[in-house]
Amino acid sequence: MSGDPLRDTTVRPATPPDLAGVLCSLTSAAQWSRERGELGWPVPFPEEAVRPSLERGELYVAEWNGEIVGSFVLRYDDEAFWGPQPPVAGYLHQLAVRRDRPVRGLGRRLVDRAESLVREAKRPWIRLDCVATNRSIIAYYEAAGFRPVRVVPYPHGNEFEVLLMEKRLE
């Protein structure tokens, strides 16, 4: 161990035993957002919203000190949010980090890893969606190089709108 939690964190494809840790990470992120008055994910985060991504090989985890401290889903189509699209992008979903662990910079490292995977798939864009009223997460993604594209209704119910964002990969 180097003593640097970020350096000591491994990002890898998830396996079935990781599911509980992923749910803990997603629930932690959802609770943190709710404590700040933001709309978003349910608490606790439902297993049925994660298991299909695990089974399809779309789920990635960050592991530090033997526990899951973050996760994301990467898909190569996203008609629910983006509609029919040519095969030019990877779609980042469910990016979450445990707020109660000392792995500073982990969110950006996970975004970077997703970008690398999209580049490896020879796609020039990475896209995501976030709650359109969550100014802090929008600013976070803008600082990572994403730009707003458009606002659309949340496709799984009309309780809020989402902002679609994308980044051109070099």
N, C-alpha and C. Protein backbone atom coordinates (compact mmCIF):
# COMPACT_ATOMS: atom_id res chain seq x y z
N MET A 1 0.83 -1.19 0.00
CA MET A 1 0.00 0.00 0.00
C MET A 1 0.87 1.25 0.00
N SER A 2 0.50 2.19 -0.85
CA SER A 2 1.29 3.42 -0.96
C SER A 2 0.87 4.47 0.05
N GLY A 3 -0.29 4.29 0.68
CA GLY A 3 -0.79 5.31 1.59
C GLY A 3 -1.67 6.33 0.89
N ASP A 4 -1.78 6.25 -0.42
CA ASP A 4 -2.64 7.13 -1.21
C ASP A 4 -3.88 6.33 -1.62
N PRO A 5 -5.03 6.60 -1.00
CA PRO A 5 -6.22 5.79 -1.31
C PRO A 5 -6.57 5.77 -2.79
N LEU A 6 -6.44 6.90 -3.49
CA LEU A 6 -6.79 6.90 -4.91
C LEU A 6 -5.85 5.98 -5.69
N ARG A 7 -4.57 6.07 -5.42
CA ARG A 7 -3.60 5.21 -6.11
C ARG A 7 -3.82 3.74 -5.76
N ASP A 8 -4.28 3.47 -4.55
CA ASP A 8 -4.50 2.10 -4.11
C ASP A 8 -5.86 1.54 -4.51
N THR A 9 -6.63 2.30 -5.27
CA THR A 9 -7.95 1.87 -5.70
C THR A 9 -7.86 1.23 -7.08
N THR A 10 -8.50 0.08 -7.21
CA THR A 10 -8.55 -0.65 -8.48
C THR A 10 -9.92 -0.47 -9.11
N VAL A 11 -9.95 -0.15 -10.40
CA VAL A 11 -11.20 -0.08 -11.15
C VAL A 11 -11.24 -1.28 -12.08
N ARG A 12 -12.33 -2.04 -11.99
CA ARG A 12 -12.42 -3.30 -12.73
C ARG A 12 -13.88 -3.63 -13.03
N PRO A 13 -14.11 -4.57 -13.98
CA PRO A 13 -15.48 -5.04 -14.19
C PRO A 13 -16.03 -5.68 -12.91
N ALA A 14 -17.30 -5.47 -12.67
CA ALA A 14 -17.94 -6.04 -11.47
C ALA A 14 -18.19 -7.52 -11.65
N THR A 15 -18.22 -8.22 -10.52
CA THR A 15 -18.58 -9.63 -10.47
C THR A 15 -19.78 -9.76 -9.54
N PRO A 16 -20.51 -10.88 -9.58
CA PRO A 16 -21.69 -11.02 -8.74
C PRO A 16 -21.47 -10.73 -7.25
N PRO A 17 -20.35 -11.12 -6.64
CA PRO A 17 -20.16 -10.79 -5.22
C PRO A 17 -20.06 -9.29 -4.93
N ASP A 18 -19.84 -8.47 -5.96
CA ASP A 18 -19.72 -7.02 -5.78
C ASP A 18 -21.07 -6.32 -5.64
N LEU A 19 -22.17 -7.00 -5.93
CA LEU A 19 -23.46 -6.34 -6.00
C LEU A 19 -23.83 -5.61 -4.72
N ALA A 20 -23.64 -6.22 -3.57
CA ALA A 20 -23.99 -5.57 -2.31
C ALA A 20 -23.19 -4.28 -2.12
N GLY A 21 -21.91 -4.31 -2.44
CA GLY A 21 -21.08 -3.11 -2.32
C GLY A 21 -21.49 -2.01 -3.28
N VAL A 22 -21.89 -2.40 -4.48
CA VAL A 22 -22.37 -1.42 -5.46
C VAL A 22 -23.65 -0.76 -4.95
N LEU A 23 -24.56 -1.56 -4.42
CA LEU A 23 -25.81 -1.00 -3.89
C LEU A 23 -25.51 -0.05 -2.73
N CYS A 24 -24.54 -0.39 -1.90
CA CYS A 24 -24.15 0.48 -0.80
C CYS A 24 -23.60 1.80 -1.34
N SER A 25 -22.76 1.73 -2.37
CA SER A 25 -22.18 2.92 -2.98
C SER A 25 -23.28 3.81 -3.59
N LEU A 26 -24.19 3.21 -4.33
CA LEU A 26 -25.28 3.97 -4.96
C LEU A 26 -26.21 4.59 -3.91
N THR A 27 -26.50 3.83 -2.86
CA THR A 27 -27.35 4.36 -1.79
C THR A 27 -26.65 5.50 -1.06
N SER A 28 -25.35 5.36 -0.83
CA SER A 28 -24.58 6.42 -0.18
C SER A 28 -24.65 7.71 -1.01
N ALA A 29 -24.45 7.59 -2.32
CA ALA A 29 -24.51 8.77 -3.19
C ALA A 29 -25.91 9.37 -3.21
N ALA A 30 -26.93 8.53 -3.24
CA ALA A 30 -28.31 9.02 -3.24
C ALA A 30 -28.65 9.74 -1.94
N GLN A 31 -28.20 9.19 -0.81
CA GLN A 31 -28.45 9.84 0.48
C GLN A 31 -27.75 11.19 0.55
N TRP A 32 -26.52 11.25 0.08
CA TRP A 32 -25.75 12.49 0.08
C TRP A 32 -26.48 13.56 -0.72
N SER A 33 -27.00 13.19 -1.90
CA SER A 33 -27.74 14.15 -2.72
C SER A 33 -29.02 14.61 -2.02
N ARG A 34 -29.73 13.68 -1.45
CA ARG A 34 -30.97 14.04 -0.75
C ARG A 34 -30.72 14.97 0.42
N GLU A 35 -29.63 14.74 1.14
CA GLU A 35 -29.30 15.62 2.27
C GLU A 35 -29.05 17.05 1.81
N ARG A 36 -28.73 17.23 0.55
CA ARG A 36 -28.50 18.55 -0.02
C ARG A 36 -29.72 19.08 -0.77
N GLY A 37 -30.84 18.36 -0.66
CA GLY A 37 -32.08 18.81 -1.25
C GLY A 37 -32.22 18.55 -2.74
N GLU A 38 -31.41 17.65 -3.28
CA GLU A 38 -31.45 17.36 -4.71
C GLU A 38 -32.40 16.20 -5.00
N LEU A 39 -33.06 16.27 -6.15
CA LEU A 39 -33.86 15.15 -6.65
C LEU A 39 -32.91 14.09 -7.18
N GLY A 40 -33.40 12.87 -7.31
CA GLY A 40 -32.54 11.86 -7.91
C GLY A 40 -32.89 10.45 -7.51
N TRP A 41 -31.88 9.68 -7.27
CA TRP A 41 -32.03 8.25 -7.06
C TRP A 41 -32.79 7.92 -5.77
N PRO A 42 -33.45 6.76 -5.79
CA PRO A 42 -34.16 6.32 -4.58
C PRO A 42 -33.19 5.83 -3.50
N VAL A 43 -33.66 5.91 -2.26
CA VAL A 43 -32.92 5.40 -1.10
C VAL A 43 -33.83 4.40 -0.40
N PRO A 44 -33.39 3.16 -0.25
CA PRO A 44 -32.15 2.57 -0.77
C PRO A 44 -32.23 2.37 -2.28
N PHE A 45 -31.07 2.30 -2.93
CA PHE A 45 -31.02 2.09 -4.37
C PHE A 45 -31.45 0.66 -4.65
N PRO A 46 -32.39 0.45 -5.59
CA PRO A 46 -32.95 -0.89 -5.80
C PRO A 46 -32.03 -1.84 -6.59
N GLU A 47 -31.93 -3.05 -6.10
CA GLU A 47 -31.12 -4.07 -6.75
C GLU A 47 -31.55 -4.30 -8.20
N GLU A 48 -32.86 -4.26 -8.45
CA GLU A 48 -33.35 -4.52 -9.81
C GLU A 48 -32.91 -3.46 -10.82
N ALA A 49 -32.43 -2.32 -10.34
CA ALA A 49 -31.92 -1.28 -11.24
C ALA A 49 -30.43 -1.49 -11.55
N VAL A 50 -29.80 -2.46 -10.89
CA VAL A 50 -28.36 -2.70 -11.07
C VAL A 50 -28.08 -4.08 -11.64
N ARG A 51 -28.82 -5.07 -11.18
CA ARG A 51 -28.52 -6.46 -11.56
C ARG A 51 -28.45 -6.68 -13.07
N PRO A 52 -29.37 -6.13 -13.89
CA PRO A 52 -29.26 -6.36 -15.34
C PRO A 52 -27.94 -5.83 -15.93
N SER A 53 -27.45 -4.70 -15.43
CA SER A 53 -26.17 -4.17 -15.93
C SER A 53 -25.02 -5.09 -15.53
N LEU A 54 -25.08 -5.64 -14.33
CA LEU A 54 -24.07 -6.60 -13.89
C LEU A 54 -24.09 -7.82 -14.81
N GLU A 55 -25.27 -8.34 -15.09
CA GLU A 55 -25.40 -9.54 -15.91
C GLU A 55 -24.96 -9.31 -17.35
N ARG A 56 -25.10 -8.08 -17.85
CA ARG A 56 -24.68 -7.75 -19.22
C ARG A 56 -23.21 -7.33 -19.30
N GLY A 57 -22.51 -7.27 -18.18
CA GLY A 57 -21.11 -6.88 -18.19
C GLY A 57 -20.89 -5.38 -18.35
N GLU A 58 -21.87 -4.56 -17.99
CA GLU A 58 -21.79 -3.11 -18.14
C GLU A 58 -21.39 -2.40 -16.85
N LEU A 59 -21.28 -3.13 -15.76
CA LEU A 59 -21.05 -2.54 -14.45
C LEU A 59 -19.56 -2.64 -14.09
N TYR A 60 -19.01 -1.51 -13.61
CA TYR A 60 -17.62 -1.43 -13.19
C TYR A 60 -17.58 -0.95 -11.74
N VAL A 61 -16.57 -1.41 -11.01
CA VAL A 61 -16.44 -1.03 -9.61
C VAL A 61 -15.06 -0.49 -9.32
N ALA A 62 -15.00 0.34 -8.29
CA ALA A 62 -13.75 0.80 -7.71
C ALA A 62 -13.62 0.11 -6.37
N GLU A 63 -12.49 -0.57 -6.18
CA GLU A 63 -12.27 -1.31 -4.94
C GLU A 63 -11.06 -0.73 -4.21
N TRP A 64 -11.24 -0.45 -2.94
CA TRP A 64 -10.17 0.07 -2.09
C TRP A 64 -10.22 -0.66 -0.75
N ASN A 65 -9.09 -1.15 -0.31
CA ASN A 65 -9.01 -1.85 0.98
C ASN A 65 -10.02 -3.00 1.07
N GLY A 66 -10.26 -3.67 -0.04
CA GLY A 66 -11.15 -4.83 -0.04
C GLY A 66 -12.63 -4.51 -0.08
N GLU A 67 -13.00 -3.24 -0.27
CA GLU A 67 -14.43 -2.92 -0.34
C GLU A 67 -14.73 -2.05 -1.56
N ILE A 68 -15.95 -2.11 -1.99
CA ILE A 68 -16.40 -1.32 -3.13
C ILE A 68 -16.65 0.11 -2.65
N VAL A 69 -15.97 1.07 -3.28
CA VAL A 69 -16.10 2.47 -2.88
C VAL A 69 -16.69 3.34 -3.99
N GLY A 70 -16.95 2.74 -5.14
CA GLY A 70 -17.54 3.49 -6.24
C GLY A 70 -17.91 2.54 -7.36
N SER A 71 -18.71 3.07 -8.30
CA SER A 71 -19.14 2.23 -9.41
C SER A 71 -19.70 3.11 -10.53
N PHE A 72 -19.80 2.50 -11.70
CA PHE A 72 -20.49 3.13 -12.82
C PHE A 72 -20.95 2.05 -13.78
N VAL A 73 -21.91 2.43 -14.63
CA VAL A 73 -22.41 1.57 -15.68
C VAL A 73 -22.03 2.24 -17.00
N LEU A 74 -21.56 1.43 -17.94
CA LEU A 74 -21.24 1.93 -19.27
C LEU A 74 -21.97 1.08 -20.30
N ARG A 75 -22.82 1.74 -21.07
CA ARG A 75 -23.58 1.08 -22.13
C ARG A 75 -23.18 1.68 -23.47
N TYR A 76 -23.54 0.98 -24.54
CA TYR A 76 -23.22 1.48 -25.87
C TYR A 76 -24.47 1.81 -26.68
N ASP A 77 -25.59 1.89 -26.02
CA ASP A 77 -26.79 2.48 -26.57
C ASP A 77 -27.64 2.97 -25.41
N ASP A 78 -28.50 3.93 -25.70
CA ASP A 78 -29.32 4.51 -24.62
C ASP A 78 -30.55 5.18 -25.23
N GLU A 79 -31.40 4.37 -25.85
CA GLU A 79 -32.60 4.91 -26.48
C GLU A 79 -33.55 5.54 -25.48
N ALA A 80 -33.57 5.05 -24.24
CA ALA A 80 -34.51 5.59 -23.25
C ALA A 80 -34.30 7.09 -23.06
N PHE A 81 -33.05 7.53 -23.00
CA PHE A 81 -32.77 8.94 -22.78
C PHE A 81 -32.46 9.68 -24.08
N TRP A 82 -31.70 9.07 -24.97
CA TRP A 82 -31.17 9.76 -26.15
C TRP A 82 -31.95 9.47 -27.43
N GLY A 83 -32.86 8.48 -27.40
CA GLY A 83 -33.55 8.09 -28.63
C GLY A 83 -32.61 7.28 -29.51
N PRO A 84 -33.10 6.88 -30.69
CA PRO A 84 -32.24 6.12 -31.60
C PRO A 84 -31.04 6.97 -32.03
N GLN A 85 -29.86 6.38 -31.97
CA GLN A 85 -28.61 7.08 -32.31
C GLN A 85 -27.72 6.14 -33.12
N PRO A 86 -26.88 6.72 -33.98
CA PRO A 86 -25.87 5.88 -34.62
C PRO A 86 -24.87 5.39 -33.56
N PRO A 87 -24.10 4.36 -33.85
CA PRO A 87 -23.17 3.79 -32.86
C PRO A 87 -21.89 4.63 -32.72
N VAL A 88 -22.03 5.82 -32.12
CA VAL A 88 -20.90 6.74 -32.01
C VAL A 88 -20.55 7.09 -30.57
N ALA A 89 -21.26 6.52 -29.59
CA ALA A 89 -21.05 6.96 -28.21
C ALA A 89 -21.11 5.80 -27.23
N GLY A 90 -20.51 6.06 -26.06
CA GLY A 90 -20.72 5.24 -24.88
C GLY A 90 -21.54 6.09 -23.92
N TYR A 91 -22.40 5.46 -23.12
CA TYR A 91 -23.32 6.17 -22.25
C TYR A 91 -23.03 5.81 -20.80
N LEU A 92 -22.62 6.81 -20.06
CA LEU A 92 -22.24 6.65 -18.65
C LEU A 92 -23.48 6.80 -17.78
N HIS A 93 -23.71 5.81 -16.92
CA HIS A 93 -24.86 5.81 -16.01
C HIS A 93 -24.41 5.44 -14.60
N GLN A 94 -25.21 5.85 -13.64
CA GLN A 94 -25.08 5.41 -12.24
C GLN A 94 -23.66 5.58 -11.69
N LEU A 95 -23.01 6.67 -12.03
CA LEU A 95 -21.70 6.97 -11.45
C LEU A 95 -21.92 7.32 -9.98
N ALA A 96 -21.24 6.61 -9.10
CA ALA A 96 -21.43 6.85 -7.67
C ALA A 96 -20.13 6.57 -6.92
N VAL A 97 -19.90 7.36 -5.88
CA VAL A 97 -18.78 7.11 -4.98
C VAL A 97 -19.30 7.15 -3.55
N ARG A 98 -18.65 6.37 -2.70
CA ARG A 98 -18.98 6.39 -1.27
C ARG A 98 -18.46 7.69 -0.69
N ARG A 99 -19.33 8.47 -0.12
CA ARG A 99 -18.93 9.75 0.46
C ARG A 99 -18.25 9.58 1.82
N ASP A 100 -18.35 8.38 2.39
CA ASP A 100 -17.80 8.13 3.72
C ASP A 100 -16.45 7.41 3.67
N ARG A 101 -15.78 7.43 2.51
CA ARG A 101 -14.47 6.81 2.37
C ARG A 101 -13.48 7.86 1.86
N PRO A 102 -12.21 7.75 2.25
CA PRO A 102 -11.24 8.81 1.96
C PRO A 102 -10.56 8.69 0.59
N VAL A 103 -11.33 8.43 -0.44
CA VAL A 103 -10.74 8.27 -1.77
C VAL A 103 -11.06 9.52 -2.59
N ARG A 104 -10.37 10.59 -2.29
CA ARG A 104 -10.59 11.86 -2.98
C ARG A 104 -10.17 11.76 -4.44
N GLY A 105 -11.01 12.29 -5.33
CA GLY A 105 -10.72 12.25 -6.76
C GLY A 105 -11.23 11.01 -7.45
N LEU A 106 -11.93 10.16 -6.72
CA LEU A 106 -12.40 8.90 -7.29
C LEU A 106 -13.43 9.11 -8.40
N GLY A 107 -14.35 10.05 -8.22
CA GLY A 107 -15.36 10.27 -9.25
C GLY A 107 -14.72 10.59 -10.59
N ARG A 108 -13.74 11.47 -10.58
CA ARG A 108 -13.05 11.83 -11.83
C ARG A 108 -12.29 10.64 -12.40
N ARG A 109 -11.70 9.84 -11.52
CA ARG A 109 -11.00 8.64 -12.01
C ARG A 109 -11.97 7.68 -12.69
N LEU A 110 -13.16 7.56 -12.15
CA LEU A 110 -14.16 6.68 -12.77
C LEU A 110 -14.61 7.23 -14.12
N VAL A 111 -14.80 8.54 -14.21
CA VAL A 111 -15.14 9.16 -15.49
C VAL A 111 -14.02 8.90 -16.50
N ASP A 112 -12.77 9.09 -16.07
CA ASP A 112 -11.63 8.85 -16.95
C ASP A 112 -11.60 7.41 -17.46
N ARG A 113 -11.89 6.46 -16.55
CA ARG A 113 -11.90 5.04 -16.95
C ARG A 113 -13.00 4.77 -17.96
N ALA A 114 -14.17 5.34 -17.74
CA ALA A 114 -15.28 5.18 -18.71
C ALA A 114 -14.87 5.76 -20.06
N GLU A 115 -14.23 6.91 -20.05
CA GLU A 115 -13.77 7.52 -21.30
C GLU A 115 -12.78 6.60 -22.01
N SER A 116 -11.88 5.99 -21.28
CA SER A 116 -10.91 5.06 -21.88
C SER A 116 -11.60 3.87 -22.53
N LEU A 117 -12.60 3.34 -21.87
CA LEU A 117 -13.36 2.21 -22.42
C LEU A 117 -14.08 2.61 -23.70
N VAL A 118 -14.64 3.80 -23.73
CA VAL A 118 -15.35 4.27 -24.92
C VAL A 118 -14.34 4.46 -26.07
N ARG A 119 -13.19 5.02 -25.77
CA ARG A 119 -12.13 5.16 -26.80
C ARG A 119 -11.73 3.78 -27.35
N GLU A 120 -11.55 2.82 -26.44
CA GLU A 120 -11.19 1.46 -26.87
C GLU A 120 -12.24 0.87 -27.79
N ALA A 121 -13.50 1.25 -27.59
CA ALA A 121 -14.61 0.78 -28.44
C ALA A 121 -14.68 1.57 -29.75
N LYS A 122 -13.73 2.50 -29.94
CA LYS A 122 -13.63 3.30 -31.17
C LYS A 122 -14.86 4.18 -31.39
N ARG A 123 -15.36 4.73 -30.29
CA ARG A 123 -16.49 5.66 -30.37
C ARG A 123 -16.01 7.04 -29.93
N PRO A 124 -16.36 8.09 -30.68
CA PRO A 124 -15.81 9.42 -30.42
C PRO A 124 -16.53 10.24 -29.35
N TRP A 125 -17.62 9.76 -28.80
CA TRP A 125 -18.38 10.54 -27.83
C TRP A 125 -18.65 9.71 -26.58
N ILE A 126 -18.68 10.40 -25.43
CA ILE A 126 -19.21 9.81 -24.20
C ILE A 126 -20.36 10.72 -23.78
N ARG A 127 -21.46 10.10 -23.40
CA ARG A 127 -22.67 10.83 -23.06
C ARG A 127 -23.19 10.38 -21.70
N LEU A 128 -23.98 11.26 -21.08
CA LEU A 128 -24.59 10.95 -19.80
C LEU A 128 -25.85 11.79 -19.62
N ASP A 129 -26.56 11.51 -18.57
CA ASP A 129 -27.72 12.31 -18.19
C ASP A 129 -27.65 12.57 -16.70
N CYS A 130 -28.23 13.67 -16.28
CA CYS A 130 -28.30 14.00 -14.86
C CYS A 130 -29.55 14.84 -14.63
N VAL A 131 -29.98 14.93 -13.39
CA VAL A 131 -31.16 15.73 -13.06
C VAL A 131 -30.90 17.18 -13.47
N ALA A 132 -31.82 17.73 -14.24
CA ALA A 132 -31.62 19.05 -14.86
C ALA A 132 -31.51 20.19 -13.85
N THR A 133 -31.99 19.98 -12.63
CA THR A 133 -31.94 21.04 -11.62
C THR A 133 -30.75 20.91 -10.67
N ASN A 134 -29.94 19.87 -10.83
CA ASN A 134 -28.82 19.63 -9.92
C ASN A 134 -27.60 20.42 -10.41
N ARG A 135 -27.51 21.67 -9.97
CA ARG A 135 -26.44 22.56 -10.44
C ARG A 135 -25.05 22.04 -10.08
N SER A 136 -24.90 21.41 -8.93
CA SER A 136 -23.57 20.96 -8.53
C SER A 136 -23.07 19.82 -9.41
N ILE A 137 -23.93 18.87 -9.75
CA ILE A 137 -23.47 17.76 -10.59
C ILE A 137 -23.25 18.24 -12.02
N ILE A 138 -24.07 19.18 -12.48
CA ILE A 138 -23.86 19.74 -13.82
C ILE A 138 -22.51 20.45 -13.88
N ALA A 139 -22.20 21.25 -12.86
CA ALA A 139 -20.91 21.94 -12.82
C ALA A 139 -19.76 20.92 -12.76
N TYR A 140 -19.95 19.83 -12.03
CA TYR A 140 -18.93 18.79 -11.93
C TYR A 140 -18.63 18.21 -13.32
N TYR A 141 -19.70 17.86 -14.05
CA TYR A 141 -19.50 17.28 -15.38
C TYR A 141 -18.96 18.31 -16.37
N GLU A 142 -19.37 19.56 -16.26
CA GLU A 142 -18.82 20.59 -17.13
C GLU A 142 -17.31 20.74 -16.88
N ALA A 143 -16.89 20.69 -15.62
CA ALA A 143 -15.46 20.77 -15.30
C ALA A 143 -14.69 19.58 -15.86
N ALA A 144 -15.38 18.46 -16.06
CA ALA A 144 -14.75 17.27 -16.66
C ALA A 144 -14.80 17.31 -18.18
N GLY A 145 -15.33 18.40 -18.75
CA GLY A 145 -15.33 18.56 -20.20
C GLY A 145 -16.62 18.25 -20.92
N PHE A 146 -17.68 17.91 -20.18
CA PHE A 146 -18.97 17.64 -20.82
C PHE A 146 -19.68 18.96 -21.11
N ARG A 147 -20.50 18.95 -22.16
CA ARG A 147 -21.29 20.13 -22.47
C ARG A 147 -22.77 19.74 -22.52
N PRO A 148 -23.64 20.66 -22.09
CA PRO A 148 -25.08 20.38 -22.15
C PRO A 148 -25.54 20.24 -23.60
N VAL A 149 -26.48 19.32 -23.82
CA VAL A 149 -27.05 19.12 -25.15
C VAL A 149 -28.50 19.56 -25.17
N ARG A 150 -29.32 18.97 -24.29
CA ARG A 150 -30.73 19.34 -24.21
C ARG A 150 -31.35 18.75 -22.95
N VAL A 151 -32.49 19.30 -22.59
CA VAL A 151 -33.26 18.82 -21.44
C VAL A 151 -34.43 18.00 -21.98
N VAL A 152 -34.66 16.84 -21.36
CA VAL A 152 -35.76 15.95 -21.76
C VAL A 152 -36.48 15.47 -20.50
N PRO A 153 -37.73 15.04 -20.64
CA PRO A 153 -38.42 14.46 -19.48
C PRO A 153 -37.74 13.15 -19.06
N TYR A 154 -37.73 12.89 -17.77
CA TYR A 154 -37.22 11.62 -17.26
C TYR A 154 -38.06 10.51 -17.89
N PRO A 155 -37.45 9.54 -18.58
CA PRO A 155 -38.24 8.58 -19.35
C PRO A 155 -38.98 7.53 -18.54
N HIS A 156 -38.73 7.44 -17.23
CA HIS A 156 -39.37 6.41 -16.41
C HIS A 156 -40.43 7.01 -15.49
N GLY A 157 -41.00 8.13 -15.89
CA GLY A 157 -41.98 8.86 -15.10
C GLY A 157 -41.69 10.34 -15.27
N ASN A 158 -42.68 11.17 -15.14
CA ASN A 158 -42.50 12.59 -15.43
C ASN A 158 -42.28 13.43 -14.19
N GLU A 159 -41.65 12.87 -13.15
CA GLU A 159 -41.47 13.63 -11.92
C GLU A 159 -40.39 14.71 -12.02
N PHE A 160 -39.50 14.62 -13.00
CA PHE A 160 -38.49 15.66 -13.20
C PHE A 160 -37.92 15.57 -14.60
N GLU A 161 -37.05 16.51 -14.95
CA GLU A 161 -36.39 16.51 -16.25
C GLU A 161 -34.92 16.18 -16.07
N VAL A 162 -34.32 15.68 -17.13
CA VAL A 162 -32.89 15.36 -17.11
C VAL A 162 -32.18 16.18 -18.18
N LEU A 163 -30.96 16.51 -17.87
CA LEU A 163 -30.09 17.20 -18.82
C LEU A 163 -29.19 16.16 -19.47
N LEU A 164 -29.21 16.13 -20.80
CA LEU A 164 -28.31 15.26 -21.54
C LEU A 164 -27.02 16.03 -21.78
N MET A 165 -25.90 15.37 -21.54
CA MET A 165 -24.59 16.01 -21.71
C MET A 165 -23.69 15.07 -22.51
N GLU A 166 -22.72 15.65 -23.20
CA GLU A 166 -21.79 14.83 -23.95
C GLU A 166 -20.41 15.47 -23.99
N LYS A 167 -19.44 14.63 -24.31
CA LYS A 167 -18.06 15.07 -24.42
C LYS A 167 -17.43 14.38 -25.63
N ARG A 168 -16.80 15.17 -26.46
CA ARG A 168 -16.05 14.62 -27.59
C ARG A 168 -14.72 14.09 -27.06
N LEU A 169 -14.40 12.86 -27.41
CA LEU A 169 -13.15 12.25 -26.98
C LEU A 169 -12.11 12.42 -28.08
N GLU A 170 -10.93 12.78 -27.69
CA GLU A 170 -9.85 13.02 -28.67
C GLU A 170 -9.18 11.71 -29.02
